[in-house]
Protein backbone atom coordinates (compact mmCIF):
# COMPACT_ATOMS: atom_id res chain seq x y z
CA UNK A 1 18.07 -12.38 -14.84
CA UNK A 2 14.41 -11.35 -14.75
CA UNK A 3 12.76 -10.10 -11.58
CA UNK A 4 9.98 -12.42 -10.36
CA UNK A 5 8.13 -9.51 -8.77
CA UNK A 6 7.96 -6.80 -11.46
CA UNK A 7 9.52 -8.47 -14.57
CA UNK A 8 12.28 -5.85 -14.68
CA UNK A 9 15.45 -7.13 -16.40
CA UNK A 10 17.69 -4.31 -15.16
CA UNK A 11 19.65 -5.36 -12.06
CA UNK A 12 22.31 -3.24 -10.39
CA UNK A 13 25.30 -5.25 -9.10
CA UNK A 14 25.87 -4.80 -5.36
CA UNK A 15 28.82 -6.99 -4.42
CA UNK A 16 30.19 -10.52 -4.52
CA UNK A 17 29.94 -12.90 -1.54
CA UNK A 18 32.00 -16.11 -1.66
CA UNK A 19 32.07 -16.00 -5.43
CA UNK A 20 28.34 -15.31 -5.86
CA UNK A 21 27.16 -12.10 -7.44
CA UNK A 22 24.42 -10.16 -5.64
CA UNK A 23 22.27 -7.67 -7.59
CA UNK A 24 19.22 -5.52 -6.87
CA UNK A 25 16.24 -5.08 -9.21
CA UNK A 26 16.02 -1.44 -10.31
CA UNK A 27 12.24 -1.68 -10.41
CA UNK A 28 10.97 -3.08 -7.10
CA UNK A 29 14.18 -3.67 -5.12
CA UNK A 30 14.07 -7.47 -5.04
CA UNK A 31 17.56 -8.98 -4.64
CA UNK A 32 18.79 -11.80 -6.87
CA UNK A 33 21.75 -14.14 -6.41
CA UNK A 34 23.85 -15.81 -9.08
CA UNK A 35 22.82 -19.48 -9.28
CA UNK A 36 25.21 -22.25 -8.33
CA UNK A 37 25.37 -25.76 -9.74
CA UNK A 38 22.37 -27.10 -7.83
CA UNK A 39 18.94 -28.20 -9.02
CA UNK A 40 15.80 -26.89 -7.37
CA UNK A 41 14.19 -29.50 -5.15
CA UNK A 42 11.62 -28.64 -2.47
CA UNK A 43 13.53 -30.33 0.34
CA UNK A 44 11.75 -31.74 3.35
CA UNK A 45 13.08 -31.41 6.87
CA UNK A 46 10.90 -33.71 9.01
CA UNK A 47 12.21 -32.57 12.40
CA UNK A 48 11.86 -28.87 11.61
CA UNK A 49 8.47 -29.41 9.93
CA UNK A 50 7.01 -31.31 12.87
CA UNK A 51 8.29 -28.71 15.32
CA UNK A 52 6.54 -25.85 13.54
CA UNK A 53 3.56 -27.65 12.00
CA UNK A 54 1.13 -27.11 14.86
CA UNK A 55 2.15 -23.48 15.19
CA UNK A 56 1.53 -22.96 11.48
CA UNK A 57 -1.86 -24.65 11.74
CA UNK A 58 -2.82 -22.33 14.60
CA UNK A 59 -1.81 -19.35 12.48
CA UNK A 60 -3.89 -20.62 9.54
CA UNK A 61 -6.90 -21.05 11.85
CA UNK A 62 -6.64 -17.39 12.81
CA UNK A 63 -6.81 -16.61 9.08
CA UNK A 64 -9.96 -18.71 8.58
CA UNK A 65 -8.82 -22.34 8.15
CA UNK A 66 -11.45 -24.66 9.64
CA UNK A 67 -9.94 -27.98 8.70
CA UNK A 68 -9.87 -29.96 5.48
CA UNK A 69 -7.25 -30.64 2.85
CA UNK A 70 -3.86 -28.98 3.31
CA UNK A 71 -1.72 -28.41 0.22
CA UNK A 72 1.91 -29.50 0.12
CA UNK A 73 3.39 -27.60 -2.85
CA UNK A 74 6.26 -30.11 -3.10
CA UNK A 75 3.80 -32.56 -4.68
CA UNK A 76 4.17 -33.03 -8.46
CA UNK A 77 2.05 -30.52 -10.36
CA UNK A 78 0.08 -33.34 -11.97
CA UNK A 79 -1.21 -34.37 -8.54
CA UNK A 80 -2.73 -30.95 -7.75
CA UNK A 81 -6.44 -30.91 -8.53
CA UNK A 82 -7.73 -27.37 -9.22
CA UNK A 83 -9.66 -25.86 -6.32
CA UNK A 84 -9.22 -28.92 -4.11
CA UNK A 85 -7.36 -27.52 -1.09
CA UNK A 86 -8.62 -25.56 1.91
CA UNK A 87 -5.22 -24.11 2.88
CA UNK A 88 -1.57 -24.22 1.87
CA UNK A 89 1.80 -23.99 3.58
CA UNK A 90 4.98 -23.21 1.66
CA UNK A 91 7.90 -23.49 4.11
CA UNK A 92 11.22 -21.95 3.00
CA UNK A 93 10.76 -22.75 -0.70
CA UNK A 94 9.95 -19.50 -2.47
CA UNK A 95 13.48 -18.08 -2.29
CA UNK A 96 14.91 -21.29 -3.80
CA UNK A 97 12.58 -21.55 -6.78
CA UNK A 98 13.94 -20.28 -10.12
CA UNK A 99 10.46 -18.87 -10.88
CA UNK A 100 8.68 -18.06 -7.57
CA UNK A 101 5.70 -16.68 -9.46
CA UNK A 102 5.10 -20.03 -11.13
CA UNK A 103 5.08 -21.77 -7.76
CA UNK A 104 2.49 -19.27 -6.49
CA UNK A 105 0.39 -19.68 -9.66
CA UNK A 106 0.33 -23.44 -9.19
CA UNK A 107 -0.59 -23.04 -5.52
CA UNK A 108 -3.31 -20.49 -6.34
CA UNK A 109 -4.88 -22.79 -8.92
CA UNK A 110 -5.04 -25.67 -6.45
CA UNK A 111 -6.69 -23.67 -3.63
CA UNK A 112 -10.35 -22.93 -3.01
CA UNK A 113 -11.62 -19.32 -2.93
CA UNK A 114 -10.80 -17.53 0.35
CA UNK A 115 -8.42 -20.33 1.39
CA UNK A 116 -5.51 -19.09 3.57
CA UNK A 117 -1.86 -19.41 2.56
CA UNK A 118 1.13 -19.44 4.91
CA UNK A 119 4.71 -18.84 3.79
CA UNK A 120 7.94 -18.88 5.71
CA UNK A 121 10.62 -16.85 3.98
CA UNK A 122 14.14 -15.96 5.16
CA UNK A 123 14.42 -12.29 5.94
CA UNK A 124 16.69 -10.64 3.39
CA UNK A 125 20.09 -9.90 4.89
CA UNK A 126 22.94 -8.85 2.64
CA UNK A 127 25.35 -8.84 5.56
CA UNK A 128 25.63 -12.62 5.60
CA UNK A 129 26.27 -15.24 2.93
CA UNK A 130 23.15 -16.89 1.56
CA UNK A 131 22.71 -20.69 1.32
CA UNK A 132 23.84 -21.99 -2.09
CA UNK A 133 20.32 -23.08 -3.02
CA UNK A 134 18.84 -19.59 -2.50
CA UNK A 135 18.25 -17.53 -5.65
CA UNK A 136 16.23 -14.59 -4.26
CA UNK A 137 16.14 -12.38 -1.20
CA UNK A 138 12.72 -10.95 -0.36
CA UNK A 139 11.81 -8.29 2.15
CA UNK A 140 8.37 -7.47 3.58
CA UNK A 141 7.44 -5.26 0.63
CA UNK A 142 8.67 -7.38 -2.28
CA UNK A 143 7.04 -10.54 -0.89
CA UNK A 144 3.72 -8.68 -0.66
CA UNK A 145 4.09 -7.32 -4.19
CA UNK A 146 4.67 -10.87 -5.41
CA UNK A 147 1.65 -12.27 -3.58
CA UNK A 148 -0.71 -9.50 -4.72
CA UNK A 149 0.37 -10.03 -8.30
CA UNK A 150 -0.56 -13.71 -8.17
CA UNK A 151 -3.98 -13.49 -6.55
CA UNK A 152 -3.29 -13.47 -2.80
CA UNK A 153 -4.71 -10.56 -0.81
CA UNK A 154 -5.09 -9.51 2.84
CA UNK A 155 -1.37 -10.08 3.23
CA UNK A 156 0.20 -9.90 6.67
CA UNK A 157 3.95 -10.06 7.24
CA UNK A 158 5.52 -10.52 10.65
CA UNK A 159 8.94 -11.57 11.85
CA UNK A 160 8.67 -15.07 13.29
CA UNK A 161 12.37 -15.00 14.24
CA UNK A 162 15.37 -12.75 13.78
CA UNK A 163 16.02 -14.17 10.32
CA UNK A 164 12.59 -15.36 9.15
CA UNK A 165 9.33 -13.82 7.97
CA UNK A 166 5.98 -15.50 8.56
CA UNK A 167 3.62 -14.40 5.80
CA UNK A 168 -0.10 -15.16 5.56
CA UNK A 169 -2.59 -14.25 2.83
CA UNK A 170 -5.99 -15.18 1.42
CA UNK A 171 -6.57 -16.64 -2.04
CA UNK A 172 -8.86 -14.49 -4.20
CA UNK A 173 -9.68 -14.25 -7.89
CA UNK A 174 -7.48 -11.57 -9.46
CA UNK A 175 -9.38 -8.98 -11.52
CA UNK A 176 -9.17 -9.01 -15.30
CA UNK A 177 -8.25 -5.31 -15.21
CA UNK A 178 -7.01 -3.25 -12.25
CA UNK A 179 -9.49 -0.78 -10.80
CA UNK A 180 -8.71 2.51 -9.07
CA UNK A 181 -11.02 3.97 -6.41
CA UNK A 182 -10.75 7.78 -6.41
CA UNK A 183 -12.02 9.15 -3.09
CA UNK A 184 -13.28 12.74 -3.15
CA UNK A 185 -14.19 14.40 0.17
CA UNK A 186 -16.34 17.48 -0.49
CA UNK A 187 -17.47 20.15 1.96
CA UNK A 188 -18.30 23.78 1.09
CA UNK A 189 -16.52 23.70 -2.28
CA UNK A 190 -19.27 24.97 -4.59
CA UNK A 191 -16.83 26.96 -6.76
CA UNK A 192 -14.33 24.20 -7.44
CA UNK A 193 -16.36 20.99 -7.04
CA UNK A 194 -18.14 21.01 -10.44
CA UNK A 195 -14.91 21.94 -12.24
CA UNK A 196 -13.06 19.10 -10.53
CA UNK A 197 -15.81 16.56 -11.27
CA UNK A 198 -15.97 17.48 -14.95
CA UNK A 199 -12.19 17.11 -15.25
CA UNK A 200 -12.23 13.88 -13.25
CA UNK A 201 -14.87 12.27 -15.45
CA UNK A 202 -12.88 13.21 -18.56
CA UNK A 203 -9.65 11.81 -17.11
CA UNK A 204 -8.99 8.33 -18.48
CA UNK A 205 -6.18 6.01 -17.41
CA UNK A 206 -5.30 3.44 -20.09
CA UNK A 207 -5.82 -0.13 -18.96
CA UNK A 208 -7.43 0.85 -15.64
CA UNK A 209 -11.09 0.78 -14.62
CA UNK A 210 -12.25 3.50 -12.27
CA UNK A 211 -14.81 4.32 -9.62
CA UNK A 212 -15.24 7.79 -8.13
CA UNK A 213 -16.48 7.87 -4.53
CA UNK A 214 -17.79 11.29 -3.50
CA UNK A 215 -18.39 11.86 0.22
CA UNK A 216 -20.42 15.03 0.71
CA UNK A 217 -20.61 16.22 4.32
CA UNK A 218 -23.81 18.32 4.29
CA UNK A 219 -22.36 21.57 3.00
CA UNK A 220 -24.08 24.91 3.57
CA UNK A 221 -22.94 26.64 0.36
CA UNK A 222 -24.72 24.55 -2.30
CA UNK A 223 -22.07 21.83 -2.76
CA UNK A 224 -24.58 19.18 -1.64
CA UNK A 225 -27.04 20.14 -4.37
CA UNK A 226 -24.23 20.03 -6.94
CA UNK A 227 -23.15 16.59 -5.72
CA UNK A 228 -26.69 15.22 -6.00
CA UNK A 229 -26.58 15.90 -9.73
CA UNK A 230 -24.17 12.97 -10.03
CA UNK A 231 -26.45 10.57 -8.17
CA UNK A 232 -27.00 7.48 -10.32
CA UNK A 233 -23.97 8.13 -12.53
CA UNK A 234 -22.47 4.73 -13.48
CA UNK A 235 -18.92 5.75 -12.47
CA UNK A 236 -19.80 7.59 -9.27
CA UNK A 237 -20.78 6.41 -5.80
CA UNK A 238 -22.32 9.29 -3.87
CA UNK A 239 -22.24 9.11 -0.07
CA UNK A 240 -24.27 11.82 1.71
CA UNK A 241 -23.26 12.38 5.32
CA UNK A 242 -25.74 13.90 7.75
CA UNK A 243 -23.22 16.40 9.15
CA UNK A 244 -19.58 17.44 8.71
CA UNK A 245 -17.13 15.50 10.88
CA UNK A 246 -13.89 16.48 9.12
CA UNK A 247 -11.92 15.49 6.04
CA UNK A 248 -10.39 12.48 7.76
CA UNK A 249 -13.79 11.07 8.68
CA UNK A 250 -15.00 11.56 5.10
CA UNK A 251 -11.97 9.76 3.63
CA UNK A 252 -12.41 6.92 6.11
CA UNK A 253 -16.01 6.61 4.92
CA UNK A 254 -14.67 6.47 1.37
CA UNK A 255 -12.41 3.55 2.33
CA UNK A 256 -15.50 1.62 3.44
CA UNK A 257 -17.10 2.00 0.01
CA UNK A 258 -13.97 1.44 -2.10
CA UNK A 259 -13.82 -1.76 -4.16
CA UNK A 260 -10.79 -1.00 -6.35
CA UNK A 261 -7.38 -2.64 -6.16
CA UNK A 262 -5.83 0.83 -5.82
CA UNK A 263 -6.98 3.80 -3.71
CA UNK A 264 -6.24 7.42 -4.68
CA UNK A 265 -7.24 10.35 -2.46
CA UNK A 266 -8.43 13.50 -4.25
CA UNK A 267 -9.50 16.78 -2.64
CA UNK A 268 -12.48 18.71 -3.98
CA UNK A 269 -10.39 21.84 -4.61
CA UNK A 270 -8.11 22.54 -7.57
CA UNK A 271 -4.71 22.70 -5.85
CA UNK A 272 -3.46 19.53 -7.57
CA UNK A 273 -3.15 18.52 -11.22
CA UNK A 274 -5.14 15.48 -12.40
CA UNK A 275 -2.59 14.91 -15.16
CA UNK A 276 -0.25 13.59 -12.45
CA UNK A 277 -2.44 10.48 -12.02
CA UNK A 278 -0.51 8.55 -14.67
CA UNK A 279 2.87 9.05 -13.02
CA UNK A 280 1.49 8.27 -9.55
CA UNK A 281 -0.17 5.03 -10.63
CA UNK A 282 2.67 3.74 -12.80
CA UNK A 283 4.84 2.27 -9.99
CA UNK A 284 1.83 0.47 -8.52
CA UNK A 285 0.50 -0.87 -11.83
CA UNK A 286 3.96 -2.18 -12.74
CA UNK A 287 4.28 -4.03 -9.38
CA UNK A 288 7.16 -1.82 -8.26
CA UNK A 289 5.53 -0.14 -5.26
CA UNK A 290 2.64 -0.51 -2.85
CA UNK A 291 2.48 3.06 -1.53
CA UNK A 292 3.11 6.30 -3.45
CA UNK A 293 3.15 9.93 -2.30
CA UNK A 294 2.97 12.91 -4.67
CA UNK A 295 5.56 15.34 -3.34
CA UNK A 296 4.75 19.01 -3.94
CA UNK A 297 8.15 20.57 -3.36
CA UNK A 298 9.72 20.65 -6.79
CA UNK A 299 13.10 21.33 -5.19
CA UNK A 300 11.96 24.12 -2.87
CA UNK A 301 10.52 24.02 0.66
CA UNK A 302 8.55 27.22 -0.12
CA UNK A 303 5.62 25.42 -1.73
CA UNK A 304 2.98 27.81 -0.35
CA UNK A 305 3.16 31.32 -1.76
CA UNK A 306 0.20 33.60 -0.98
CA UNK A 307 0.48 36.90 -2.85
CA UNK A 308 -1.15 38.98 -0.09
CA UNK A 309 -0.31 36.81 2.93
CA UNK A 310 3.43 36.17 2.65
CA UNK A 311 4.06 35.97 6.39
CA UNK A 312 1.29 33.40 6.76
CA UNK A 313 2.68 31.37 3.87
CA UNK A 314 6.14 31.39 5.45
CA UNK A 315 4.69 30.20 8.76
CA UNK A 316 2.88 27.32 7.05
CA UNK A 317 6.02 26.33 5.15
CA UNK A 318 8.08 26.33 8.35
CA UNK A 319 5.41 24.27 10.10
CA UNK A 320 5.45 21.78 7.25
CA UNK A 321 9.23 21.47 7.52
CA UNK A 322 9.02 20.95 11.29
CA UNK A 323 6.40 18.20 11.17
CA UNK A 324 8.09 16.49 8.23
CA UNK A 325 11.36 16.42 10.14
CA UNK A 326 9.60 15.16 13.26
CA UNK A 327 7.99 12.22 11.45
CA UNK A 328 11.24 11.39 9.66
CA UNK A 329 13.11 11.26 12.97
CA UNK A 330 10.42 9.37 14.89
CA UNK A 331 9.90 6.74 12.20
CA UNK A 332 13.32 6.66 10.51
CA UNK A 333 12.14 7.92 7.14
CA UNK A 334 13.44 10.37 4.56
CA UNK A 335 10.19 11.80 3.17
CA UNK A 336 9.86 15.31 1.79
CA UNK A 337 6.05 15.63 1.81
CA UNK A 338 4.13 13.14 3.99
CA UNK A 339 1.10 15.46 4.17
CA UNK A 340 0.39 15.67 0.45
CA UNK A 341 -3.18 15.03 -0.63
CA UNK A 342 -1.92 12.62 -3.31
CA UNK A 343 -1.69 9.38 -1.35
CA UNK A 344 -1.96 6.35 -3.63
CA UNK A 345 -1.69 2.75 -2.44
CA UNK A 346 -2.92 -0.79 -2.88
CA UNK A 347 -6.18 -1.16 -0.99
CA UNK A 348 -4.74 -4.31 0.54
CA UNK A 349 -2.36 -2.09 2.52
CA UNK A 350 -5.34 -1.05 4.67
CA UNK A 351 -6.04 -4.61 5.79
CA UNK A 352 -5.91 -4.88 9.58
CA UNK A 353 -5.57 -1.12 10.14
CA UNK A 354 -8.11 0.88 12.11
CA UNK A 355 -8.27 4.66 11.78
CA UNK A 356 -9.61 7.12 14.34
CA UNK A 357 -8.67 10.67 13.29
CA UNK A 358 -11.33 12.91 11.79
CA UNK A 359 -9.67 16.13 10.68
CA UNK A 360 -6.34 16.86 9.02
CA UNK A 361 -4.57 14.76 11.65
CA UNK A 362 -5.80 11.84 9.53
CA UNK A 363 -3.04 12.69 6.99
CA UNK A 364 -0.52 11.96 9.72
CA UNK A 365 -2.33 8.86 10.98
CA UNK A 366 -2.65 7.28 7.53
CA UNK A 367 1.00 7.75 6.54
CA UNK A 368 2.37 6.69 9.92
CA UNK A 369 0.26 3.54 10.18
CA UNK A 370 1.20 2.48 6.66
CA UNK A 371 4.87 3.02 7.52
CA UNK A 372 4.51 1.16 10.82
CA UNK A 373 2.91 -1.74 8.95
CA UNK A 374 6.05 -1.96 6.83
CA UNK A 375 5.47 0.03 3.63
CA UNK A 376 8.13 2.34 2.19
CA UNK A 377 6.52 5.32 0.42
CA UNK A 378 7.80 6.16 -3.05
CA UNK A 379 7.70 9.92 -3.64
CA UNK A 380 6.93 11.28 -7.10
CA UNK A 381 6.97 15.03 -7.95
CA UNK A 382 3.56 16.56 -8.74
CA UNK A 383 2.25 19.97 -9.72
CA UNK A 384 0.73 22.08 -6.96
CA UNK A 385 -0.78 25.53 -6.50
CA UNK A 386 -1.75 26.27 -2.92
CA UNK A 387 -4.85 28.29 -2.27
CA UNK A 388 -4.96 30.79 0.58
CA UNK A 389 -7.36 30.96 3.51
CA UNK A 390 -9.28 33.63 1.64
CA UNK A 391 -9.80 31.09 -1.14
CA UNK A 392 -11.12 28.40 1.19
CA UNK A 393 -8.25 26.64 3.01
CA UNK A 394 -9.75 24.97 6.09
CA UNK A 395 -6.77 24.26 8.38
CA UNK A 396 -7.21 25.79 11.87
CA UNK A 397 -3.84 27.25 12.77
CA UNK A 398 -4.38 27.48 16.53
CA UNK A 399 -5.83 24.00 17.00
CA UNK A 400 -4.86 21.53 14.30
CA UNK A 401 -1.05 21.56 14.87
CA UNK A 402 -1.56 20.30 18.44
CA UNK A 403 -3.60 17.33 17.16
CA UNK A 404 -0.85 16.58 14.61
CA UNK A 405 1.80 16.58 17.33
CA UNK A 406 -0.29 14.31 19.56
CA UNK A 407 -0.89 11.78 16.77
CA UNK A 408 2.80 11.72 15.77
CA UNK A 409 3.97 11.03 19.32
CA UNK A 410 1.17 8.59 20.19
CA UNK A 411 1.70 6.44 17.11
CA UNK A 412 5.43 6.21 17.75
CA UNK A 413 4.71 3.68 20.49
CA UNK A 414 1.15 2.43 19.87
CA UNK A 415 0.44 -0.92 18.20
CA UNK A 416 -1.10 -0.42 14.76
CA UNK A 417 -2.44 -3.95 14.22
CA UNK A 418 -4.91 -5.78 16.47
CA UNK A 419 -3.45 -8.47 18.72
CA UNK A 420 -4.91 -11.40 16.76
CA UNK A 421 -3.15 -10.25 13.58
CA UNK A 422 0.26 -9.48 15.06
């Protein structure tokens, strides 16, 4: 068995249901079922199709379909003219196909650029027996990984019923090589900024193109003048803000300028190790994850250790533990470090999300909204050396924690996607 999502051949057996083995891919988590003696045939169900057809057309119109030719992937491959279709619907077929990626490739080839795709896929449930013709069980994350791999972006997944996912996406041309957008927010970091930039420009990631987006927020210590030295550099986009509005606002501005398939957030200080890039990007480049966090703990909750401010360091560590526990309880997670700077994700994960926070509450907002949209963060250990307030840490202890608490509680109940995309 070979995983259709990440090509991993290592499956862990889970159990047997009515004589059929069920196993989980050790790479991305996709679930495979032992085949039975049936031949794949994209079956038609006229009554069901007619009942849902108009609803599917309305959904496609919200994703940009304005009429024209509609692709039926059950047609023989020889009948599919390249680039001839304005939209496609694949109802309950992907989980039955022995090679779902091949079905998506054929569909992608037949569609015009920016044409919308609609899939209906049974929601993975290992508590019930699967139909004998089903070979795969997808969840919201593995179906998106599969679509992104085969040239479909702006993916939205919603539950159309208790046991069915309705998935829409847009057909794009996949890049020849993946590109990573590294977003650097810089404000009053004249001592560390040039050191970071030199190291960042020397850092190469095999097989990955790169763009560095520097957002400078009108520093008063000379950082702006240092940043201007990189203006015109072929690998750097320099964004000069007229005034400081906070780290969150600067990162949000970086999102607007990012063109890479992957986004990586990098602070302008030297608390983190650039050599961790390779490990952080590996799960995403191998189609095993959409969202990665670099956890700083290394087995200990005491990740901040200030030589001359031990009481302050202990207070910060306890605060980190409190807010981590709060988010885990509110959003049913098991994260160790949701507030790490190292947040790495497919840029497509941002589709449909709107951000409002400007300061360090943006760290909370970004993680929570990605979780609420359906992404499970993969945590990977990274190296970390915390600097003290004397060295330039900018958190405001008597104000920022209240904004974090407000964002955590507000986003527990707020809708994260606009109404027309839900």
